[in-house]
Amino acid sequence: MIVDLRIYTTLPNRMAEFVALYEAEGWPIQLKHLGHCVGWYTTVEGELNTVVHMWGYADQGDRERRRAAMAADPAWAGYLQKVADQGALIRMQNRIIRPAGFFEAYKARGA
């Protein structure tokens, strides 16, 4: 399993607006195509105006297939245009991460 860790930073006082648009339009599309959301969070302390979400995949090939299908969806292109028009985002990052062996063992024990 791999996880696509996504980190988005918005302009001050614009995070709620970004999240509202995502919830209404982006979330349904991503659930349809990406499937396994590991978590979706907004910051409360630390670096503010930050959204973090994680999507799990069987492997890199699974990720590439799912993201390609999403990219081909006209609804996704429409959503991305609305995000651009909104002008709330100032930075987007992503990282591909995988669980450490000891964590996999921990999960296998049913913890």
N, C-alpha and C. Protein backbone atom coordinates (compact mmCIF):
# COMPACT_ATOMS: atom_id res chain seq x y z
N MET A 1 0.84 -1.18 0.00
CA MET A 1 0.00 0.00 0.00
C MET A 1 0.88 1.24 0.00
N ILE A 2 0.44 2.24 -0.77
CA ILE A 2 1.07 3.56 -0.72
C ILE A 2 -0.02 4.58 -0.40
N VAL A 3 0.41 5.73 0.08
CA VAL A 3 -0.52 6.81 0.40
C VAL A 3 -0.04 8.07 -0.31
N ASP A 4 -0.95 8.73 -0.99
CA ASP A 4 -0.70 10.02 -1.62
C ASP A 4 -1.10 11.08 -0.59
N LEU A 5 -0.11 11.73 -0.02
CA LEU A 5 -0.31 12.77 0.99
C LEU A 5 -0.37 14.11 0.28
N ARG A 6 -1.48 14.82 0.42
CA ARG A 6 -1.69 16.10 -0.25
C ARG A 6 -1.78 17.20 0.79
N ILE A 7 -1.05 18.30 0.57
CA ILE A 7 -1.05 19.42 1.49
C ILE A 7 -1.33 20.69 0.68
N TYR A 8 -2.38 21.40 1.05
CA TYR A 8 -2.77 22.63 0.37
C TYR A 8 -2.75 23.78 1.37
N THR A 9 -2.17 24.90 0.98
CA THR A 9 -2.15 26.09 1.82
C THR A 9 -2.97 27.17 1.13
N THR A 10 -3.89 27.77 1.89
CA THR A 10 -4.73 28.82 1.35
C THR A 10 -4.29 30.19 1.88
N LEU A 11 -4.78 31.20 1.25
CA LEU A 11 -4.60 32.55 1.78
C LEU A 11 -5.28 32.65 3.15
N PRO A 12 -4.81 33.52 4.01
CA PRO A 12 -5.46 33.68 5.32
C PRO A 12 -6.96 33.97 5.16
N ASN A 13 -7.73 33.33 6.00
CA ASN A 13 -9.18 33.50 6.04
C ASN A 13 -9.91 33.00 4.79
N ARG A 14 -9.26 32.16 3.99
CA ARG A 14 -9.90 31.63 2.79
C ARG A 14 -10.05 30.10 2.84
N MET A 15 -9.55 29.47 3.92
CA MET A 15 -9.60 28.01 3.99
C MET A 15 -11.05 27.50 3.98
N ALA A 16 -11.93 28.12 4.74
CA ALA A 16 -13.32 27.66 4.79
C ALA A 16 -13.97 27.71 3.40
N GLU A 17 -13.67 28.73 2.66
CA GLU A 17 -14.20 28.89 1.30
C GLU A 17 -13.68 27.77 0.39
N PHE A 18 -12.38 27.48 0.49
CA PHE A 18 -11.78 26.40 -0.30
C PHE A 18 -12.39 25.05 0.07
N VAL A 19 -12.54 24.80 1.37
CA VAL A 19 -13.10 23.53 1.84
C VAL A 19 -14.56 23.39 1.40
N ALA A 20 -15.32 24.46 1.46
CA ALA A 20 -16.73 24.40 1.05
C ALA A 20 -16.86 24.02 -0.43
N LEU A 21 -16.04 24.62 -1.28
CA LEU A 21 -16.07 24.28 -2.70
C LEU A 21 -15.66 22.83 -2.90
N TYR A 22 -14.62 22.40 -2.20
CA TYR A 22 -14.17 21.01 -2.32
C TYR A 22 -15.28 20.05 -1.88
N GLU A 23 -15.88 20.32 -0.73
CA GLU A 23 -16.92 19.43 -0.22
C GLU A 23 -18.08 19.30 -1.21
N ALA A 24 -18.47 20.41 -1.79
CA ALA A 24 -19.61 20.41 -2.70
C ALA A 24 -19.29 19.76 -4.05
N GLU A 25 -18.07 19.97 -4.56
CA GLU A 25 -17.79 19.53 -5.93
C GLU A 25 -16.61 18.58 -6.08
N GLY A 26 -15.53 18.81 -5.35
CA GLY A 26 -14.35 17.97 -5.50
C GLY A 26 -14.47 16.61 -4.82
N TRP A 27 -15.00 16.61 -3.60
CA TRP A 27 -15.12 15.38 -2.81
C TRP A 27 -15.88 14.28 -3.54
N PRO A 28 -17.07 14.55 -4.09
CA PRO A 28 -17.79 13.47 -4.78
C PRO A 28 -17.00 12.89 -5.97
N ILE A 29 -16.30 13.75 -6.69
CA ILE A 29 -15.53 13.28 -7.85
C ILE A 29 -14.35 12.43 -7.39
N GLN A 30 -13.65 12.88 -6.37
CA GLN A 30 -12.50 12.11 -5.89
C GLN A 30 -12.94 10.78 -5.29
N LEU A 31 -14.02 10.77 -4.54
CA LEU A 31 -14.51 9.49 -4.01
C LEU A 31 -14.84 8.52 -5.13
N LYS A 32 -15.46 9.03 -6.18
CA LYS A 32 -15.82 8.20 -7.33
C LYS A 32 -14.60 7.56 -7.98
N HIS A 33 -13.54 8.34 -8.17
CA HIS A 33 -12.38 7.86 -8.91
C HIS A 33 -11.25 7.30 -8.03
N LEU A 34 -11.00 7.94 -6.90
CA LEU A 34 -9.84 7.54 -6.10
C LEU A 34 -10.18 6.47 -5.07
N GLY A 35 -11.40 6.48 -4.58
CA GLY A 35 -11.87 5.40 -3.73
C GLY A 35 -11.53 5.49 -2.26
N HIS A 36 -10.30 5.24 -1.89
CA HIS A 36 -9.95 5.04 -0.48
C HIS A 36 -9.31 6.29 0.13
N CYS A 37 -10.16 7.12 0.76
CA CYS A 37 -9.65 8.29 1.47
C CYS A 37 -9.18 7.84 2.86
N VAL A 38 -7.91 8.04 3.15
CA VAL A 38 -7.33 7.66 4.43
C VAL A 38 -7.65 8.72 5.49
N GLY A 39 -7.74 9.96 5.08
CA GLY A 39 -8.07 11.04 6.01
C GLY A 39 -8.14 12.38 5.30
N TRP A 40 -8.90 13.29 5.88
CA TRP A 40 -9.08 14.63 5.32
C TRP A 40 -9.16 15.59 6.51
N TYR A 41 -8.19 16.52 6.61
CA TYR A 41 -8.05 17.34 7.81
C TYR A 41 -7.79 18.80 7.47
N THR A 42 -8.11 19.68 8.42
CA THR A 42 -7.71 21.09 8.35
C THR A 42 -6.96 21.41 9.64
N THR A 43 -6.02 22.34 9.55
CA THR A 43 -5.21 22.66 10.72
C THR A 43 -5.99 23.49 11.74
N VAL A 44 -5.64 23.25 13.00
CA VAL A 44 -6.20 23.99 14.11
C VAL A 44 -5.09 24.80 14.79
N GLU A 45 -3.91 24.22 14.85
CA GLU A 45 -2.73 24.88 15.41
C GLU A 45 -1.55 24.64 14.49
N GLY A 46 -0.49 25.38 14.71
CA GLY A 46 0.70 25.24 13.88
C GLY A 46 0.56 26.10 12.63
N GLU A 47 1.00 25.57 11.49
CA GLU A 47 0.87 26.32 10.24
C GLU A 47 -0.60 26.34 9.84
N LEU A 48 -1.22 27.49 9.99
CA LEU A 48 -2.65 27.62 9.75
C LEU A 48 -2.96 27.69 8.26
N ASN A 49 -4.25 27.71 7.95
CA ASN A 49 -4.72 27.80 6.57
C ASN A 49 -4.23 26.63 5.73
N THR A 50 -4.17 25.46 6.35
CA THR A 50 -3.63 24.27 5.68
C THR A 50 -4.66 23.15 5.68
N VAL A 51 -4.79 22.51 4.54
CA VAL A 51 -5.65 21.34 4.36
C VAL A 51 -4.74 20.17 4.04
N VAL A 52 -4.98 19.04 4.69
CA VAL A 52 -4.21 17.82 4.45
C VAL A 52 -5.18 16.69 4.16
N HIS A 53 -4.96 15.99 3.06
CA HIS A 53 -5.75 14.79 2.82
C HIS A 53 -4.86 13.70 2.26
N MET A 54 -5.28 12.46 2.48
CA MET A 54 -4.49 11.29 2.12
C MET A 54 -5.38 10.27 1.43
N TRP A 55 -4.84 9.71 0.35
CA TRP A 55 -5.56 8.72 -0.44
C TRP A 55 -4.71 7.47 -0.55
N GLY A 56 -5.28 6.31 -0.22
CA GLY A 56 -4.56 5.05 -0.25
C GLY A 56 -4.74 4.32 -1.57
N TYR A 57 -3.67 3.67 -2.00
CA TYR A 57 -3.67 2.89 -3.25
C TYR A 57 -2.93 1.58 -3.03
N ALA A 58 -3.26 0.60 -3.82
CA ALA A 58 -2.56 -0.69 -3.74
C ALA A 58 -1.09 -0.52 -4.09
N ASP A 59 -0.81 0.29 -5.11
CA ASP A 59 0.56 0.52 -5.57
C ASP A 59 0.56 1.74 -6.50
N GLN A 60 1.71 2.08 -7.04
CA GLN A 60 1.81 3.26 -7.90
C GLN A 60 0.98 3.11 -9.18
N GLY A 61 0.92 1.90 -9.72
CA GLY A 61 0.09 1.67 -10.91
C GLY A 61 -1.38 1.94 -10.64
N ASP A 62 -1.87 1.48 -9.49
CA ASP A 62 -3.25 1.73 -9.09
C ASP A 62 -3.50 3.23 -8.98
N ARG A 63 -2.57 3.94 -8.36
CA ARG A 63 -2.69 5.40 -8.23
C ARG A 63 -2.75 6.07 -9.60
N GLU A 64 -1.84 5.70 -10.48
CA GLU A 64 -1.79 6.32 -11.81
C GLU A 64 -3.07 6.06 -12.60
N ARG A 65 -3.60 4.84 -12.54
CA ARG A 65 -4.85 4.53 -13.25
C ARG A 65 -6.01 5.35 -12.70
N ARG A 66 -6.13 5.40 -11.40
CA ARG A 66 -7.25 6.12 -10.78
C ARG A 66 -7.16 7.63 -11.05
N ARG A 67 -5.96 8.19 -10.93
CA ARG A 67 -5.79 9.62 -11.15
C ARG A 67 -5.99 9.98 -12.63
N ALA A 68 -5.60 9.09 -13.53
CA ALA A 68 -5.82 9.33 -14.96
C ALA A 68 -7.32 9.34 -15.28
N ALA A 69 -8.06 8.42 -14.68
CA ALA A 69 -9.51 8.40 -14.89
C ALA A 69 -10.14 9.68 -14.35
N MET A 70 -9.68 10.14 -13.21
CA MET A 70 -10.22 11.37 -12.64
C MET A 70 -9.87 12.57 -13.54
N ALA A 71 -8.64 12.62 -14.02
CA ALA A 71 -8.21 13.72 -14.88
C ALA A 71 -9.02 13.78 -16.18
N ALA A 72 -9.50 12.62 -16.65
CA ALA A 72 -10.29 12.57 -17.88
C ALA A 72 -11.76 12.94 -17.67
N ASP A 73 -12.17 13.06 -16.42
CA ASP A 73 -13.57 13.38 -16.10
C ASP A 73 -13.81 14.88 -16.29
N PRO A 74 -14.71 15.27 -17.17
CA PRO A 74 -14.98 16.70 -17.39
C PRO A 74 -15.42 17.42 -16.11
N ALA A 75 -16.07 16.73 -15.21
CA ALA A 75 -16.49 17.35 -13.95
C ALA A 75 -15.27 17.77 -13.12
N TRP A 76 -14.18 16.98 -13.19
CA TRP A 76 -12.96 17.32 -12.47
C TRP A 76 -12.33 18.58 -13.07
N ALA A 77 -12.30 18.67 -14.38
CA ALA A 77 -11.77 19.87 -15.03
C ALA A 77 -12.59 21.10 -14.63
N GLY A 78 -13.89 20.95 -14.56
CA GLY A 78 -14.74 22.06 -14.14
C GLY A 78 -14.47 22.48 -12.71
N TYR A 79 -14.29 21.50 -11.85
CA TYR A 79 -13.97 21.80 -10.46
C TYR A 79 -12.62 22.53 -10.37
N LEU A 80 -11.61 22.04 -11.07
CA LEU A 80 -10.30 22.69 -11.03
C LEU A 80 -10.36 24.13 -11.51
N GLN A 81 -11.19 24.40 -12.50
CA GLN A 81 -11.35 25.77 -12.97
C GLN A 81 -11.96 26.65 -11.89
N LYS A 82 -12.95 26.12 -11.18
CA LYS A 82 -13.57 26.88 -10.09
C LYS A 82 -12.56 27.16 -8.97
N VAL A 83 -11.70 26.19 -8.68
CA VAL A 83 -10.65 26.41 -7.67
C VAL A 83 -9.73 27.53 -8.13
N ALA A 84 -9.33 27.48 -9.39
CA ALA A 84 -8.45 28.53 -9.92
C ALA A 84 -9.14 29.90 -9.86
N ASP A 85 -10.40 29.95 -10.25
CA ASP A 85 -11.14 31.21 -10.24
C ASP A 85 -11.33 31.74 -8.82
N GLN A 86 -11.45 30.83 -7.87
CA GLN A 86 -11.62 31.21 -6.47
C GLN A 86 -10.39 31.97 -5.94
N GLY A 87 -9.21 31.56 -6.39
CA GLY A 87 -7.99 32.25 -6.02
C GLY A 87 -7.58 32.11 -4.56
N ALA A 88 -8.04 31.09 -3.88
CA ALA A 88 -7.73 30.92 -2.46
C ALA A 88 -6.43 30.17 -2.22
N LEU A 89 -6.00 29.35 -3.16
CA LEU A 89 -4.80 28.52 -2.95
C LEU A 89 -3.52 29.29 -3.24
N ILE A 90 -2.52 29.07 -2.37
CA ILE A 90 -1.21 29.65 -2.63
C ILE A 90 -0.12 28.60 -2.78
N ARG A 91 -0.39 27.37 -2.30
CA ARG A 91 0.62 26.32 -2.44
C ARG A 91 -0.05 24.95 -2.39
N MET A 92 0.46 24.06 -3.25
CA MET A 92 0.00 22.67 -3.26
C MET A 92 1.23 21.78 -3.23
N GLN A 93 1.18 20.74 -2.40
CA GLN A 93 2.28 19.79 -2.30
C GLN A 93 1.70 18.38 -2.29
N ASN A 94 2.48 17.43 -2.76
CA ASN A 94 2.09 16.04 -2.53
C ASN A 94 3.33 15.18 -2.34
N ARG A 95 3.14 14.13 -1.60
CA ARG A 95 4.20 13.17 -1.31
C ARG A 95 3.59 11.77 -1.41
N ILE A 96 4.35 10.83 -1.92
CA ILE A 96 3.93 9.44 -1.91
C ILE A 96 4.68 8.80 -0.74
N ILE A 97 3.91 8.23 0.18
CA ILE A 97 4.50 7.63 1.37
C ILE A 97 4.00 6.19 1.50
N ARG A 98 4.73 5.40 2.28
CA ARG A 98 4.28 4.02 2.53
C ARG A 98 4.48 3.72 4.02
N PRO A 99 3.68 2.81 4.55
CA PRO A 99 3.78 2.48 5.96
C PRO A 99 5.13 1.80 6.27
N ALA A 100 5.68 2.13 7.42
CA ALA A 100 6.88 1.45 7.90
C ALA A 100 6.50 0.02 8.30
N GLY A 101 7.46 -0.90 8.21
CA GLY A 101 7.21 -2.30 8.52
C GLY A 101 6.61 -2.54 9.89
N PHE A 102 7.11 -1.82 10.91
CA PHE A 102 6.60 -2.04 12.25
C PHE A 102 5.14 -1.58 12.36
N PHE A 103 4.74 -0.58 11.58
CA PHE A 103 3.37 -0.13 11.62
C PHE A 103 2.45 -1.16 10.97
N GLU A 104 2.90 -1.74 9.87
CA GLU A 104 2.12 -2.80 9.23
C GLU A 104 1.91 -3.97 10.20
N ALA A 105 2.96 -4.33 10.95
CA ALA A 105 2.84 -5.39 11.94
C ALA A 105 1.84 -5.00 13.03
N TYR A 106 1.88 -3.75 13.45
CA TYR A 106 0.96 -3.25 14.46
C TYR A 106 -0.48 -3.37 13.97
N LYS A 107 -0.73 -2.95 12.73
CA LYS A 107 -2.07 -3.03 12.17
C LYS A 107 -2.52 -4.48 12.03
N ALA A 108 -1.61 -5.37 11.67
CA ALA A 108 -1.94 -6.79 11.48
C ALA A 108 -2.40 -7.44 12.78
N ARG A 109 -1.96 -6.90 13.91
CA ARG A 109 -2.38 -7.43 15.21
C ARG A 109 -3.79 -6.99 15.56
N GLY A 110 -4.38 -6.13 14.72
CA GLY A 110 -5.74 -5.68 14.99
C GLY A 110 -5.81 -4.49 15.91
N ALA A 111 -4.71 -3.79 16.06
CA ALA A 111 -4.69 -2.63 16.97
C ALA A 111 -5.35 -1.44 16.33
